[in-house]
Amino acid sequence: MNCKPGDLAYIVDSQFPENIGRVVKVVSGHGDFRGEGFCWNIVATTALKGEGEIDGRIMYQRDGFIADSCLRPISGVPVDDIPAVVNLPEAFKLAFGAEMRAWS
């Protein structure tokens, strides 16, 4: 498992590219969903793009669930200082102690 309840984490994989790099709080276990592996119930700092549409509009929501494999915990960051938008290179540096290089 990458995360545990109470962790802050950032999304490293999503079917919606705009969700990658977003910060979420891991709330509790959700269980397996459609064979994706173990999933967590999460709450995001801002709305994430979700699956499905309502009246032709794409859904956005602040809570839901996501596979553990799609998350990486953030450690050493005080909860009160979490920004609404994360600087992904800086988060990468904090999490891994290395500079992030562009992928092509």
PDB file of N, CA and C in Angstrom:
ATOM      1  N   MET A   1       0.836  -1.184   0.000  1.00  0.00           N
ATOM      2  CA  MET A   1       0.000   0.000   0.000  1.00  0.00           C
ATOM      3  C   MET A   1       0.880   1.247   0.000  1.00  0.00           C
ATOM      4  N   ASN A   2       0.475   2.229  -0.795  1.00  0.00           N
ATOM      5  CA  ASN A   2       1.185   3.505  -0.834  1.00  0.00           C
ATOM      6  C   ASN A   2       0.746   4.431   0.290  1.00  0.00           C
ATOM      7  N   CYS A   3      -0.548   4.394   0.628  1.00  0.00           N
ATOM      8  CA  CYS A   3      -1.120   5.365   1.557  1.00  0.00           C
ATOM      9  C   CYS A   3      -1.793   4.682   2.733  1.00  0.00           C
ATOM     10  N   LYS A   4      -2.163   5.516   3.704  1.00  0.00           N
ATOM     11  CA  LYS A   4      -2.956   5.061   4.843  1.00  0.00           C
ATOM     12  C   LYS A   4      -3.928   6.188   5.203  1.00  0.00           C
ATOM     13  N   PRO A   5      -4.998   5.885   5.950  1.00  0.00           N
ATOM     14  CA  PRO A   5      -5.953   6.929   6.324  1.00  0.00           C
ATOM     15  C   PRO A   5      -5.255   8.091   7.038  1.00  0.00           C
ATOM     16  N   GLY A   6      -5.650   9.306   6.665  1.00  0.00           N
ATOM     17  CA  GLY A   6      -5.081  10.512   7.242  1.00  0.00           C
ATOM     18  C   GLY A   6      -3.940  11.106   6.425  1.00  0.00           C
ATOM     19  N   ASP A   7      -3.376  10.325   5.493  1.00  0.00           N
ATOM     20  CA  ASP A   7      -2.287  10.823   4.654  1.00  0.00           C
ATOM     21  C   ASP A   7      -2.772  11.899   3.695  1.00  0.00           C
ATOM     22  N   LEU A   8      -1.886  12.829   3.390  1.00  0.00           N
ATOM     23  CA  LEU A   8      -2.061  13.704   2.243  1.00  0.00           C
ATOM     24  C   LEU A   8      -1.291  13.040   1.116  1.00  0.00           C
ATOM     25  N   ALA A   9      -1.847  13.054  -0.070  1.00  0.00           N
ATOM     26  CA  ALA A   9      -1.206  12.400  -1.210  1.00  0.00           C
ATOM     27  C   ALA A   9      -1.475  13.219  -2.457  1.00  0.00           C
ATOM     28  N   TYR A  10      -0.669  12.966  -3.477  1.00  0.00           N
ATOM     29  CA  TYR A  10      -0.954  13.585  -4.759  1.00  0.00           C
ATOM     30  C   TYR A  10      -1.217  12.495  -5.777  1.00  0.00           C
ATOM     31  N   ILE A  11      -2.017  12.821  -6.771  1.00  0.00           N
ATOM     32  CA  ILE A  11      -2.430  11.863  -7.796  1.00  0.00           C
ATOM     33  C   ILE A  11      -1.328  11.756  -8.840  1.00  0.00           C
ATOM     34  N   VAL A  12      -0.867  10.513  -9.070  1.00  0.00           N
ATOM     35  CA  VAL A  12       0.198  10.284 -10.055  1.00  0.00           C
ATOM     36  C   VAL A  12      -0.318   9.611 -11.321  1.00  0.00           C
ATOM     37  N   ASP A  13      -1.544   9.102 -11.293  1.00  0.00           N
ATOM     38  CA  ASP A  13      -2.119   8.456 -12.470  1.00  0.00           C
ATOM     39  C   ASP A  13      -3.633   8.641 -12.432  1.00  0.00           C
ATOM     40  N   SER A  14      -4.203   8.992 -13.566  1.00  0.00           N
ATOM     41  CA  SER A  14      -5.646   9.204 -13.654  1.00  0.00           C
ATOM     42  C   SER A  14      -6.063   9.121 -15.107  1.00  0.00           C
ATOM     43  N   GLN A  15      -7.294   8.680 -15.342  1.00  0.00           N
ATOM     44  CA  GLN A  15      -7.798   8.687 -16.716  1.00  0.00           C
ATOM     45  C   GLN A  15      -8.054  10.114 -17.188  1.00  0.00           C
ATOM     46  N   PHE A  16      -8.051  11.054 -16.253  1.00  0.00           N
ATOM     47  CA  PHE A  16      -8.220  12.472 -16.571  1.00  0.00           C
ATOM     48  C   PHE A  16      -6.899  13.183 -16.270  1.00  0.00           C
ATOM     49  N   PRO A  17      -6.112  13.530 -17.290  1.00  0.00           N
ATOM     50  CA  PRO A  17      -4.789  14.128 -17.082  1.00  0.00           C
ATOM     51  C   PRO A  17      -4.804  15.378 -16.193  1.00  0.00           C
ATOM     52  N   GLU A  18      -5.891  16.137 -16.204  1.00  0.00           N
ATOM     53  CA  GLU A  18      -5.939  17.349 -15.388  1.00  0.00           C
ATOM     54  C   GLU A  18      -5.972  17.055 -13.891  1.00  0.00           C
ATOM     55  N   ASN A  19      -6.242  15.803 -13.483  1.00  0.00           N
ATOM     56  CA  ASN A  19      -6.233  15.440 -12.065  1.00  0.00           C
ATOM     57  C   ASN A  19      -4.834  15.095 -11.559  1.00  0.00           C
ATOM     58  N   ILE A  20      -3.902  14.792 -12.455  1.00  0.00           N
ATOM     59  CA  ILE A  20      -2.554  14.393 -12.047  1.00  0.00           C
ATOM     60  C   ILE A  20      -1.852  15.575 -11.380  1.00  0.00           C
ATOM     61  N   GLY A  21      -1.268  15.301 -10.224  1.00  0.00           N
ATOM     62  CA  GLY A  21      -0.592  16.336  -9.448  1.00  0.00           C
ATOM     63  C   GLY A  21      -1.470  17.002  -8.409  1.00  0.00           C
ATOM     64  N   ARG A  22      -2.758  16.728  -8.423  1.00  0.00           N
ATOM     65  CA  ARG A  22      -3.676  17.336  -7.461  1.00  0.00           C
ATOM     66  C   ARG A  22      -3.524  16.665  -6.100  1.00  0.00           C
ATOM     67  N   VAL A  23      -3.714  17.423  -5.029  1.00  0.00           N
ATOM     68  CA  VAL A  23      -3.568  16.931  -3.662  1.00  0.00           C
ATOM     69  C   VAL A  23      -4.911  16.467  -3.119  1.00  0.00           C
ATOM     70  N   VAL A  24      -4.871  15.315  -2.431  1.00  0.00           N
ATOM     71  CA  VAL A  24      -6.067  14.766  -1.802  1.00  0.00           C
ATOM     72  C   VAL A  24      -5.728  14.320  -0.386  1.00  0.00           C
ATOM     73  N   LYS A  25      -6.746  14.207   0.447  1.00  0.00           N
ATOM     74  CA  LYS A  25      -6.593  13.624   1.775  1.00  0.00           C
ATOM     75  C   LYS A  25      -7.214  12.239   1.735  1.00  0.00           C
ATOM     76  N   VAL A  26      -6.458  11.244   2.181  1.00  0.00           N
ATOM     77  CA  VAL A  26      -6.946   9.866   2.237  1.00  0.00           C
ATOM     78  C   VAL A  26      -7.802   9.739   3.486  1.00  0.00           C
ATOM     79  N   VAL A  27      -9.085   9.364   3.302  1.00  0.00           N
ATOM     80  CA  VAL A  27     -10.026   9.338   4.416  1.00  0.00           C
ATOM     81  C   VAL A  27     -10.162   7.936   5.000  1.00  0.00           C
ATOM     82  N   SER A  28     -10.484   6.961   4.150  1.00  0.00           N
ATOM     83  CA  SER A  28     -10.708   5.600   4.631  1.00  0.00           C
ATOM     84  C   SER A  28     -10.637   4.621   3.464  1.00  0.00           C
ATOM     85  N   GLY A  29     -10.603   3.342   3.782  1.00  0.00           N
ATOM     86  CA  GLY A  29     -10.573   2.320   2.752  1.00  0.00           C
ATOM     87  C   GLY A  29     -11.904   2.202   2.036  1.00  0.00           C
ATOM     88  N   HIS A  30     -11.857   1.966   0.752  1.00  0.00           N
ATOM     89  CA  HIS A  30     -13.065   1.785  -0.057  1.00  0.00           C
ATOM     90  C   HIS A  30     -13.186   0.330  -0.510  1.00  0.00           C
ATOM     91  N   GLY A  31     -12.045  -0.356  -0.677  1.00  0.00           N
ATOM     92  CA  GLY A  31     -12.027  -1.738  -1.156  1.00  0.00           C
ATOM     93  C   GLY A  31     -11.723  -1.799  -2.642  1.00  0.00           C
ATOM     94  N   ASP A  32     -11.825  -2.985  -3.206  1.00  0.00           N
ATOM     95  CA  ASP A  32     -11.534  -3.171  -4.628  1.00  0.00           C
ATOM     96  C   ASP A  32     -12.695  -2.640  -5.464  1.00  0.00           C
ATOM     97  N   PHE A  33     -12.368  -2.020  -6.595  1.00  0.00           N
ATOM     98  CA  PHE A  33     -13.399  -1.516  -7.495  1.00  0.00           C
ATOM     99  C   PHE A  33     -13.045  -1.920  -8.916  1.00  0.00           C
ATOM    100  N   ARG A  34     -13.887  -2.701  -9.527  1.00  0.00           N
ATOM    101  CA  ARG A  34     -13.715  -3.139 -10.919  1.00  0.00           C
ATOM    102  C   ARG A  34     -12.323  -3.701 -11.211  1.00  0.00           C
ATOM    103  N   GLY A  35     -11.755  -4.397 -10.262  1.00  0.00           N
ATOM    104  CA  GLY A  35     -10.456  -5.013 -10.475  1.00  0.00           C
ATOM    105  C   GLY A  35      -9.286  -4.048 -10.529  1.00  0.00           C
ATOM    106  N   GLU A  36      -9.477  -2.794 -10.090  1.00  0.00           N
ATOM    107  CA  GLU A  36      -8.401  -1.801 -10.099  1.00  0.00           C
ATOM    108  C   GLU A  36      -7.459  -1.962  -8.918  1.00  0.00           C
ATOM    109  N   GLY A  37      -7.769  -2.864  -8.018  1.00  0.00           N
ATOM    110  CA  GLY A  37      -6.990  -3.006  -6.786  1.00  0.00           C
ATOM    111  C   GLY A  37      -7.634  -2.200  -5.679  1.00  0.00           C
ATOM    112  N   PHE A  38      -6.953  -2.155  -4.550  1.00  0.00           N
ATOM    113  CA  PHE A  38      -7.501  -1.471  -3.387  1.00  0.00           C
ATOM    114  C   PHE A  38      -7.652   0.018  -3.671  1.00  0.00           C
ATOM    115  N   CYS A  39      -8.803   0.565  -3.293  1.00  0.00           N
ATOM    116  CA  CYS A  39      -9.105   1.983  -3.488  1.00  0.00           C
ATOM    117  C   CYS A  39      -9.314   2.666  -2.140  1.00  0.00           C
ATOM    118  N   TRP A  40      -9.055   3.951  -2.123  1.00  0.00           N
ATOM    119  CA  TRP A  40      -9.259   4.790  -0.939  1.00  0.00           C
ATOM    120  C   TRP A  40     -10.372   5.797  -1.186  1.00  0.00           C
ATOM    121  N   ASN A  41     -11.160   6.087  -0.142  1.00  0.00           N
ATOM    122  CA  ASN A  41     -12.067   7.230  -0.164  1.00  0.00           C
ATOM    123  C   ASN A  41     -11.195   8.450   0.087  1.00  0.00           C
ATOM    124  N   ILE A  42     -11.385   9.473  -0.719  1.00  0.00           N
ATOM    125  CA  ILE A  42     -10.537  10.669  -0.631  1.00  0.00           C
ATOM    126  C   ILE A  42     -11.388  11.938  -0.636  1.00  0.00           C
ATOM    127  N   VAL A  43     -10.779  13.026  -0.180  1.00  0.00           N
ATOM    128  CA  VAL A  43     -11.357  14.366  -0.285  1.00  0.00           C
ATOM    129  C   VAL A  43     -10.274  15.235  -0.899  1.00  0.00           C
ATOM    130  N   ALA A  44     -10.624  15.974  -1.939  1.00  0.00           N
ATOM    131  CA  ALA A  44      -9.654  16.833  -2.637  1.00  0.00           C
ATOM    132  C   ALA A  44      -9.744  18.265  -2.134  1.00  0.00           C
ATOM    133  N   THR A  45      -8.643  19.009  -2.290  1.00  0.00           N
ATOM    134  CA  THR A  45      -8.641  20.412  -1.893  1.00  0.00           C
ATOM    135  C   THR A  45      -9.498  21.251  -2.835  1.00  0.00           C
ATOM    136  N   THR A  46      -9.612  20.820  -4.093  1.00  0.00           N
ATOM    137  CA  THR A  46     -10.483  21.465  -5.078  1.00  0.00           C
ATOM    138  C   THR A  46     -11.148  20.350  -5.886  1.00  0.00           C
ATOM    139  N   ALA A  47     -12.164  20.680  -6.636  1.00  0.00           N
ATOM    140  CA  ALA A  47     -12.912  19.669  -7.379  1.00  0.00           C
ATOM    141  C   ALA A  47     -12.050  18.972  -8.433  1.00  0.00           C
ATOM    142  N   LEU A  48     -12.204  17.653  -8.504  1.00  0.00           N
ATOM    143  CA  LEU A  48     -11.514  16.823  -9.493  1.00  0.00           C
ATOM    144  C   LEU A  48     -12.489  16.432 -10.585  1.00  0.00           C
ATOM    145  N   LYS A  49     -11.966  16.245 -11.790  1.00  0.00           N
ATOM    146  CA  LYS A  49     -12.808  15.776 -12.877  1.00  0.00           C
ATOM    147  C   LYS A  49     -13.182  14.329 -12.572  1.00  0.00           C
ATOM    148  N   GLY A  50     -14.458  14.004 -12.736  1.00  0.00           N
ATOM    149  CA  GLY A  50     -14.951  12.668 -12.430  1.00  0.00           C
ATOM    150  C   GLY A  50     -15.489  11.961 -13.655  1.00  0.00           C
ATOM    151  N   GLU A  51     -15.859  10.718 -13.431  1.00  0.00           N
ATOM    152  CA  GLU A  51     -16.378   9.898 -14.523  1.00  0.00           C
ATOM    153  C   GLU A  51     -17.872  10.162 -14.696  1.00  0.00           C
ATOM    154  N   GLY A  52     -18.302  10.330 -15.928  1.00  0.00           N
ATOM    155  CA  GLY A  52     -19.716  10.489 -16.220  1.00  0.00           C
ATOM    156  C   GLY A  52     -20.120  11.918 -16.516  1.00  0.00           C
ATOM    157  N   GLU A  53     -21.370  12.062 -16.897  1.00  0.00           N
ATOM    158  CA  GLU A  53     -21.923  13.372 -17.221  1.00  0.00           C
ATOM    159  C   GLU A  53     -23.321  13.485 -16.638  1.00  0.00           C
ATOM    160  N   ILE A  54     -23.716  14.707 -16.355  1.00  0.00           N
ATOM    161  CA  ILE A  54     -25.088  14.992 -15.928  1.00  0.00           C
ATOM    162  C   ILE A  54     -25.617  16.046 -16.882  1.00  0.00           C
ATOM    163  N   ASP A  55     -26.674  15.725 -17.583  1.00  0.00           N
ATOM    164  CA  ASP A  55     -27.273  16.648 -18.558  1.00  0.00           C
ATOM    165  C   ASP A  55     -26.236  17.185 -19.541  1.00  0.00           C
ATOM    166  N   GLY A  56     -25.320  16.323 -19.977  1.00  0.00           N
ATOM    167  CA  GLY A  56     -24.314  16.710 -20.947  1.00  0.00           C
ATOM    168  C   GLY A  56     -23.134  17.471 -20.383  1.00  0.00           C
ATOM    169  N   ARG A  57     -23.124  17.706 -19.068  1.00  0.00           N
ATOM    170  CA  ARG A  57     -22.007  18.410 -18.429  1.00  0.00           C
ATOM    171  C   ARG A  57     -21.117  17.412 -17.705  1.00  0.00           C
ATOM    172  N   ILE A  58     -19.816  17.586 -17.816  1.00  0.00           N
ATOM    173  CA  ILE A  58     -18.858  16.705 -17.152  1.00  0.00           C
ATOM    174  C   ILE A  58     -18.928  16.923 -15.644  1.00  0.00           C
ATOM    175  N   MET A  59     -18.834  15.825 -14.899  1.00  0.00           N
ATOM    176  CA  MET A  59     -18.924  15.900 -13.443  1.00  0.00           C
ATOM    177  C   MET A  59     -17.590  16.303 -12.816  1.00  0.00           C
ATOM    178  N   TYR A  60     -17.657  17.172 -11.839  1.00  0.00           N
ATOM    179  CA  TYR A  60     -16.507  17.528 -11.001  1.00  0.00           C
ATOM    180  C   TYR A  60     -16.949  17.333  -9.563  1.00  0.00           C
ATOM    181  N   GLN A  61     -16.041  16.788  -8.732  1.00  0.00           N
ATOM    182  CA  GLN A  61     -16.411  16.554  -7.344  1.00  0.00           C
ATOM    183  C   GLN A  61     -15.182  16.643  -6.450  1.00  0.00           C
ATOM    184  N   ARG A  62     -15.425  16.923  -5.172  1.00  0.00           N
ATOM    185  CA  ARG A  62     -14.326  17.036  -4.202  1.00  0.00           C
ATOM    186  C   ARG A  62     -14.094  15.746  -3.446  1.00  0.00           C
ATOM    187  N   ASP A  63     -15.045  14.831  -3.446  1.00  0.00           N
ATOM    188  CA  ASP A  63     -14.832  13.570  -2.747  1.00  0.00           C
ATOM    189  C   ASP A  63     -15.158  12.413  -3.671  1.00  0.00           C
ATOM    190  N   GLY A  64     -14.605  11.276  -3.363  1.00  0.00           N
ATOM    191  CA  GLY A  64     -14.801  10.087  -4.175  1.00  0.00           C
ATOM    192  C   GLY A  64     -13.815   9.023  -3.755  1.00  0.00           C
ATOM    193  N   PHE A  65     -13.417   8.183  -4.692  1.00  0.00           N
ATOM    194  CA  PHE A  65     -12.419   7.170  -4.370  1.00  0.00           C
ATOM    195  C   PHE A  65     -11.462   7.018  -5.540  1.00  0.00           C
ATOM    196  N   ILE A  66     -10.260   6.494  -5.215  1.00  0.00           N
ATOM    197  CA  ILE A  66      -9.212   6.335  -6.209  1.00  0.00           C
ATOM    198  C   ILE A  66      -8.332   5.163  -5.788  1.00  0.00           C
ATOM    199  N   ALA A  67      -7.774   4.475  -6.772  1.00  0.00           N
ATOM    200  CA  ALA A  67      -6.917   3.326  -6.502  1.00  0.00           C
ATOM    201  C   ALA A  67      -5.645   3.755  -5.773  1.00  0.00           C
ATOM    202  N   ASP A  68      -5.202   2.929  -4.824  1.00  0.00           N
ATOM    203  CA  ASP A  68      -3.969   3.182  -4.090  1.00  0.00           C
ATOM    204  C   ASP A  68      -2.789   3.354  -5.041  1.00  0.00           C
ATOM    205  N   SER A  69      -2.767   2.597  -6.127  1.00  0.00           N
ATOM    206  CA  SER A  69      -1.655   2.660  -7.083  1.00  0.00           C
ATOM    207  C   SER A  69      -1.571   4.005  -7.796  1.00  0.00           C
ATOM    208  N   CYS A  70      -2.636   4.808  -7.737  1.00  0.00           N
ATOM    209  CA  CYS A  70      -2.662   6.117  -8.397  1.00  0.00           C
ATOM    210  C   CYS A  70      -2.236   7.253  -7.474  1.00  0.00           C
ATOM    211  N   LEU A  71      -1.883   6.926  -6.237  1.00  0.00           N
ATOM    212  CA  LEU A  71      -1.538   7.935  -5.239  1.00  0.00           C
ATOM    213  C   LEU A  71      -0.113   7.777  -4.732  1.00  0.00           C
ATOM    214  N   ARG A  72       0.512   8.891  -4.345  1.00  0.00           N
ATOM    215  CA  ARG A  72       1.795   8.887  -3.655  1.00  0.00           C
ATOM    216  C   ARG A  72       1.653   9.799  -2.445  1.00  0.00           C
ATOM    217  N   PRO A  73       1.986   9.291  -1.255  1.00  0.00           N
ATOM    218  CA  PRO A  73       1.838  10.114  -0.048  1.00  0.00           C
ATOM    219  C   PRO A  73       2.823  11.277  -0.042  1.00  0.00           C
ATOM    220  N   ILE A  74       2.410  12.350   0.600  1.00  0.00           N
ATOM    221  CA  ILE A  74       3.262  13.517   0.806  1.00  0.00           C
ATOM    222  C   ILE A  74       3.603  13.520   2.288  1.00  0.00           C
ATOM    223  N   SER A  75       4.879  13.549   2.605  1.00  0.00           N
ATOM    224  CA  SER A  75       5.265  13.566   4.017  1.00  0.00           C
ATOM    225  C   SER A  75       6.018  14.847   4.321  1.00  0.00           C
ATOM    226  N   GLY A  76       5.944  15.244   5.577  1.00  0.00           N
ATOM    227  CA  GLY A  76       6.685  16.415   6.013  1.00  0.00           C
ATOM    228  C   GLY A  76       6.056  17.743   5.652  1.00  0.00           C
ATOM    229  N   VAL A  77       4.798  17.743   5.217  1.00  0.00           N
ATOM    230  CA  VAL A  77       4.114  18.981   4.864  1.00  0.00           C
ATOM    231  C   VAL A  77       3.031  19.245   5.906  1.00  0.00           C
ATOM    232  N   PRO A  78       3.100  20.360   6.648  1.00  0.00           N
ATOM    233  CA  PRO A  78       2.058  20.653   7.631  1.00  0.00           C
ATOM    234  C   PRO A  78       0.687  20.781   6.960  1.00  0.00           C
ATOM    235  N   VAL A  79      -0.323  20.185   7.544  1.00  0.00           N
ATOM    236  CA  VAL A  79      -1.662  20.161   6.959  1.00  0.00           C
ATOM    237  C   VAL A  79      -2.222  21.569   6.759  1.00  0.00           C
ATOM    238  N   ASP A  80      -1.949  22.496   7.682  1.00  0.00           N
ATOM    239  CA  ASP A  80      -2.515  23.844   7.585  1.00  0.00           C
ATOM    240  C   ASP A  80      -1.939  24.652   6.433  1.00  0.00           C
ATOM    241  N   ASP A  81      -0.805  24.222   5.883  1.00  0.00           N
ATOM    242  CA  ASP A  81      -0.140  24.982   4.831  1.00  0.00           C
ATOM    243  C   ASP A  81      -0.339  24.391   3.439  1.00  0.00           C
ATOM    244  N   ILE A  82      -1.364  23.564   3.237  1.00  0.00           N
ATOM    245  CA  ILE A  82      -1.585  22.926   1.946  1.00  0.00           C
ATOM    246  C   ILE A  82      -2.237  23.930   0.988  1.00  0.00           C
ATOM    247  N   PRO A  83      -1.592  24.215  -0.136  1.00  0.00           N
ATOM    248  CA  PRO A  83      -2.189  25.146  -1.108  1.00  0.00           C
ATOM    249  C   PRO A  83      -3.303  24.463  -1.904  1.00  0.00           C
ATOM    250  N   ALA A  84      -4.190  25.246  -2.473  1.00  0.00           N
ATOM    251  CA  ALA A  84      -5.270  24.699  -3.292  1.00  0.00           C
ATOM    252  C   ALA A  84      -4.723  24.112  -4.588  1.00  0.00           C
ATOM    253  N   VAL A  85      -3.641  24.663  -5.098  1.00  0.00           N
ATOM    254  CA  VAL A  85      -3.002  24.162  -6.309  1.00  0.00           C
ATOM    255  C   VAL A  85      -1.561  23.840  -5.957  1.00  0.00           C
ATOM    256  N   VAL A  86      -1.115  22.669  -6.352  1.00  0.00           N
ATOM    257  CA  VAL A  86       0.223  22.211  -5.989  1.00  0.00           C
ATOM    258  C   VAL A  86       1.209  22.473  -7.111  1.00  0.00           C
ATOM    259  N   ASN A  87       2.391  22.931  -6.745  1.00  0.00           N
ATOM    260  CA  ASN A  87       3.491  23.066  -7.675  1.00  0.00           C
ATOM    261  C   ASN A  87       4.101  21.677  -7.795  1.00  0.00           C
ATOM    262  N   LEU A  88       3.776  20.952  -8.874  1.00  0.00           N
ATOM    263  CA  LEU A  88       4.177  19.554  -9.011  1.00  0.00           C
ATOM    264  C   LEU A  88       5.683  19.362  -8.908  1.00  0.00           C
ATOM    265  N   PRO A  89       6.535  20.180  -9.562  1.00  0.00           N
ATOM    266  CA  PRO A  89       7.979  19.976  -9.392  1.00  0.00           C
ATOM    267  C   PRO A  89       8.416  20.102  -7.937  1.00  0.00           C
ATOM    268  N   GLU A  90       7.835  21.048  -7.197  1.00  0.00           N
ATOM    269  CA  GLU A  90       8.196  21.212  -5.792  1.00  0.00           C
ATOM    270  C   GLU A  90       7.698  20.032  -4.957  1.00  0.00           C
ATOM    271  N   ALA A  91       6.488  19.533  -5.234  1.00  0.00           N
ATOM    272  CA  ALA A  91       5.962  18.361  -4.526  1.00  0.00           C
ATOM    273  C   ALA A  91       6.829  17.142  -4.798  1.00  0.00           C
ATOM    274  N   PHE A  92       7.274  16.996  -6.029  1.00  0.00           N
ATOM    275  CA  PHE A  92       8.144  15.882  -6.417  1.00  0.00           C
ATOM    276  C   PHE A  92       9.455  15.971  -5.633  1.00  0.00           C
ATOM    277  N   LYS A  93       9.998  17.176  -5.543  1.00  0.00           N
ATOM    278  CA  LYS A  93      11.255  17.378  -4.823  1.00  0.00           C
ATOM    279  C   LYS A  93      11.083  17.045  -3.344  1.00  0.00           C
ATOM    280  N   LEU A  94       9.977  17.465  -2.743  1.00  0.00           N
ATOM    281  CA  LEU A  94       9.703  17.157  -1.346  1.00  0.00           C
ATOM    282  C   LEU A  94       9.546  15.659  -1.123  1.00  0.00           C
ATOM    283  N   ALA A  95       8.821  15.003  -2.023  1.00  0.00           N
ATOM    284  CA  ALA A  95       8.528  13.579  -1.855  1.00  0.00           C
ATOM    285  C   ALA A  95       9.738  12.696  -2.124  1.00  0.00           C
ATOM    286  N   PHE A  96      10.536  13.038  -3.120  1.00  0.00           N
ATOM    287  CA  PHE A  96      11.609  12.148  -3.547  1.00  0.00           C
ATOM    288  C   PHE A  96      13.010  12.709  -3.332  1.00  0.00           C
ATOM    289  N   GLY A  97      13.119  13.961  -2.909  1.00  0.00           N
ATOM    290  CA  GLY A  97      14.419  14.561  -2.666  1.00  0.00           C
ATOM    291  C   GLY A  97      15.240  14.760  -3.924  1.00  0.00           C
ATOM    292  N   ALA A  98      14.569  14.865  -5.058  1.00  0.00           N
ATOM    293  CA  ALA A  98      15.268  15.031  -6.341  1.00  0.00           C
ATOM    294  C   ALA A  98      14.487  16.014  -7.201  1.00  0.00           C
ATOM    295  N   GLU A  99      15.192  16.629  -8.124  1.00  0.00           N
ATOM    296  CA  GLU A  99      14.548  17.536  -9.075  1.00  0.00           C
ATOM    297  C   GLU A  99      13.719  16.739 -10.076  1.00  0.00           C
ATOM    298  N   MET A 100      12.595  17.269 -10.487  1.00  0.00           N
ATOM    299  CA  MET A 100      11.746  16.628 -11.498  1.00  0.00           C
ATOM    300  C   MET A 100      12.203  17.058 -12.869  1.00  0.00           C
ATOM    301  N   ARG A 101      12.365  16.109 -13.762  1.00  0.00           N
ATOM    302  CA  ARG A 101      12.739  16.420 -15.151  1.00  0.00           C
ATOM    303  C   ARG A 101      11.532  16.189 -16.044  1.00  0.00           C
ATOM    304  N   ALA A 102      11.445  16.933 -17.109  1.00  0.00           N
ATOM    305  CA  ALA A 102      10.315  16.795 -18.055  1.00  0.00           C
ATOM    306  C   ALA A 102      10.369  15.446 -18.736  1.00  0.00           C
ATOM    307  N   TRP A 103       9.187  14.839 -18.852  1.00  0.00           N
ATOM    308  CA  TRP A 103       9.074  13.576 -19.583  1.00  0.00           C
ATOM    309  C   TRP A 103       8.599  13.872 -20.981  1.00  0.00           C
ATOM    310  N   SER A 104       9.148  13.136 -21.971  1.00  0.00           N
ATOM    311  CA  SER A 104       8.691  13.339 -23.334  1.00  0.00           C
ATOM    312  C   SER A 104       8.002  12.110 -23.848  1.00  0.00           C
TER     313      SER A 104
END
